[in-house]
Amino acid sequence: MTSDPTTDDKDASSRMPCQGKVKIQSYVYAKAAAKRRKGRQPYRCRACRCWHVGTRRPS
């Protein structure tokens, strides 16, 4: 297997619980997105260290 960062990232994201969700790097943007959608809250994914907007699923 090659050490290409792009393929590595895809491999990692496929194992993540947040797969298919929008990854937001900045918390400020996550808060803004959460404000637009009522009842949503930005939360941080432990696995990929990104912010997501949505209902947090109990793991």
N, C-alpha and C. Protein backbone atom coordinates (compact mmCIF):
# COMPACT_ATOMS: atom_id res chain seq x y z
N MET A 1 0.85 -1.20 0.00
CA MET A 1 0.00 0.00 0.00
C MET A 1 0.88 1.25 0.00
N THR A 2 0.49 2.22 -0.80
CA THR A 2 1.29 3.42 -0.90
C THR A 2 0.96 4.37 0.25
N SER A 3 1.89 5.29 0.50
CA SER A 3 1.68 6.23 1.59
C SER A 3 1.13 7.55 1.05
N ASP A 4 0.29 7.45 0.04
CA ASP A 4 -0.30 8.65 -0.55
C ASP A 4 -1.31 9.24 0.44
N PRO A 5 -1.18 10.52 0.77
CA PRO A 5 -2.07 11.13 1.78
C PRO A 5 -3.54 11.11 1.38
N THR A 6 -3.82 11.21 0.09
CA THR A 6 -5.22 11.25 -0.35
C THR A 6 -5.90 9.90 -0.12
N THR A 7 -5.23 8.84 -0.49
CA THR A 7 -5.82 7.51 -0.29
C THR A 7 -5.85 7.17 1.19
N ASP A 8 -4.84 7.63 1.90
CA ASP A 8 -4.80 7.41 3.34
C ASP A 8 -6.01 8.06 4.01
N ASP A 9 -6.30 9.27 3.57
CA ASP A 9 -7.42 10.02 4.17
C ASP A 9 -8.73 9.31 3.89
N LYS A 10 -8.88 8.82 2.67
CA LYS A 10 -10.13 8.12 2.32
C LYS A 10 -10.29 6.87 3.17
N ASP A 11 -9.18 6.18 3.36
CA ASP A 11 -9.21 4.97 4.16
C ASP A 11 -9.61 5.27 5.60
N ALA A 12 -9.06 6.35 6.10
CA ALA A 12 -9.36 6.72 7.48
C ALA A 12 -10.82 7.15 7.63
N SER A 13 -11.30 7.93 6.68
CA SER A 13 -12.67 8.45 6.81
C SER A 13 -13.69 7.33 6.65
N SER A 14 -13.32 6.25 5.97
CA SER A 14 -14.27 5.16 5.79
C SER A 14 -14.48 4.40 7.10
N ARG A 15 -13.51 4.51 8.00
CA ARG A 15 -13.64 3.84 9.29
C ARG A 15 -14.27 4.75 10.34
N MET A 16 -14.48 6.01 9.98
CA MET A 16 -14.96 6.97 10.96
C MET A 16 -16.47 6.86 11.14
N PRO A 17 -16.95 7.15 12.34
CA PRO A 17 -18.39 7.16 12.59
C PRO A 17 -19.07 8.35 11.91
N CYS A 18 -18.26 9.35 11.56
CA CYS A 18 -18.84 10.57 10.97
C CYS A 18 -18.82 10.49 9.46
N GLN A 19 -18.70 9.30 8.90
CA GLN A 19 -18.63 9.16 7.45
C GLN A 19 -19.92 9.67 6.83
N GLY A 20 -19.81 10.44 5.78
CA GLY A 20 -20.98 10.95 5.09
C GLY A 20 -21.45 12.28 5.64
N LYS A 21 -20.90 12.69 6.76
CA LYS A 21 -21.27 13.99 7.32
C LYS A 21 -20.30 15.04 6.84
N VAL A 22 -20.74 16.28 6.90
CA VAL A 22 -19.88 17.37 6.47
C VAL A 22 -18.85 17.65 7.56
N LYS A 23 -17.61 17.64 7.18
CA LYS A 23 -16.55 17.93 8.14
C LYS A 23 -16.23 19.41 8.11
N ILE A 24 -16.27 20.05 9.24
CA ILE A 24 -15.99 21.48 9.32
C ILE A 24 -14.75 21.67 10.18
N GLN A 25 -13.77 22.34 9.62
CA GLN A 25 -12.51 22.51 10.36
C GLN A 25 -12.64 23.57 11.44
N SER A 26 -13.38 24.62 11.17
CA SER A 26 -13.46 25.71 12.14
C SER A 26 -14.75 25.65 12.94
N TYR A 27 -14.63 25.86 14.25
CA TYR A 27 -15.78 25.81 15.13
C TYR A 27 -16.72 26.98 14.88
N VAL A 28 -16.15 28.10 14.46
CA VAL A 28 -16.97 29.29 14.19
C VAL A 28 -17.95 29.00 13.07
N TYR A 29 -17.46 28.34 12.03
CA TYR A 29 -18.33 28.01 10.89
C TYR A 29 -19.37 26.99 11.30
N ALA A 30 -18.99 26.07 12.17
CA ALA A 30 -19.92 25.05 12.64
C ALA A 30 -21.04 25.69 13.44
N LYS A 31 -20.68 26.68 14.26
CA LYS A 31 -21.70 27.36 15.05
C LYS A 31 -22.67 28.11 14.16
N ALA A 32 -22.14 28.73 13.10
CA ALA A 32 -22.98 29.47 12.17
C ALA A 32 -23.94 28.53 11.44
N ALA A 33 -23.43 27.37 11.06
CA ALA A 33 -24.27 26.40 10.37
C ALA A 33 -25.33 25.85 11.31
N ALA A 34 -24.97 25.69 12.55
CA ALA A 34 -25.92 25.17 13.54
C ALA A 34 -27.03 26.18 13.78
N LYS A 35 -26.69 27.46 13.69
CA LYS A 35 -27.69 28.50 13.92
C LYS A 35 -28.73 28.48 12.81
N ARG A 36 -28.27 28.17 11.59
CA ARG A 36 -29.20 28.12 10.46
C ARG A 36 -30.16 26.95 10.60
N ARG A 37 -29.67 25.83 11.08
CA ARG A 37 -30.55 24.68 11.27
C ARG A 37 -30.92 24.58 12.74
N LYS A 38 -32.18 24.76 12.99
CA LYS A 38 -32.60 24.76 14.40
C LYS A 38 -32.49 23.37 15.00
N GLY A 39 -32.10 23.32 16.24
CA GLY A 39 -32.02 22.05 16.93
C GLY A 39 -30.75 21.29 16.66
N ARG A 40 -29.89 21.89 15.84
CA ARG A 40 -28.62 21.21 15.55
C ARG A 40 -27.53 21.83 16.41
N GLN A 41 -26.55 21.03 16.71
CA GLN A 41 -25.44 21.54 17.51
C GLN A 41 -24.11 21.08 16.93
N PRO A 42 -23.16 21.97 16.87
CA PRO A 42 -21.84 21.56 16.40
C PRO A 42 -21.16 20.71 17.46
N TYR A 43 -20.60 19.60 17.05
CA TYR A 43 -19.87 18.77 18.00
C TYR A 43 -18.58 18.30 17.35
N ARG A 44 -17.63 17.97 18.17
CA ARG A 44 -16.32 17.61 17.64
C ARG A 44 -16.18 16.09 17.60
N CYS A 45 -15.71 15.63 16.46
CA CYS A 45 -15.49 14.19 16.31
C CYS A 45 -14.13 13.85 16.89
N ARG A 46 -14.08 12.88 17.78
CA ARG A 46 -12.81 12.50 18.40
C ARG A 46 -11.90 11.84 17.37
N ALA A 47 -12.50 11.13 16.43
CA ALA A 47 -11.70 10.33 15.50
C ALA A 47 -10.94 11.22 14.52
N CYS A 48 -11.63 12.17 13.93
CA CYS A 48 -10.98 12.95 12.87
C CYS A 48 -10.68 14.37 13.31
N ARG A 49 -11.08 14.73 14.54
CA ARG A 49 -10.80 16.06 15.08
C ARG A 49 -11.40 17.16 14.20
N CYS A 50 -12.55 16.87 13.61
CA CYS A 50 -13.25 17.88 12.83
C CYS A 50 -14.57 18.21 13.51
N TRP A 51 -15.16 19.30 13.13
CA TRP A 51 -16.46 19.68 13.68
C TRP A 51 -17.55 19.21 12.74
N HIS A 52 -18.67 18.80 13.32
CA HIS A 52 -19.82 18.40 12.53
C HIS A 52 -21.05 19.09 13.08
N VAL A 53 -22.01 19.34 12.19
CA VAL A 53 -23.28 19.90 12.64
C VAL A 53 -24.34 18.83 12.50
N GLY A 54 -25.03 18.56 13.57
CA GLY A 54 -26.04 17.52 13.54
C GLY A 54 -26.31 17.02 14.93
N THR A 55 -27.18 16.04 15.02
CA THR A 55 -27.46 15.47 16.33
C THR A 55 -26.40 14.43 16.64
N ARG A 56 -25.81 14.56 17.78
CA ARG A 56 -24.72 13.65 18.14
C ARG A 56 -25.28 12.28 18.50
N ARG A 57 -24.73 11.27 17.88
CA ARG A 57 -25.19 9.91 18.16
C ARG A 57 -24.40 9.33 19.33
N PRO A 58 -25.07 8.70 20.25
CA PRO A 58 -24.34 8.05 21.35
C PRO A 58 -23.48 6.91 20.81
N SER A 59 -22.21 6.91 21.16
CA SER A 59 -21.33 5.88 20.61
C SER A 59 -21.14 4.74 21.60
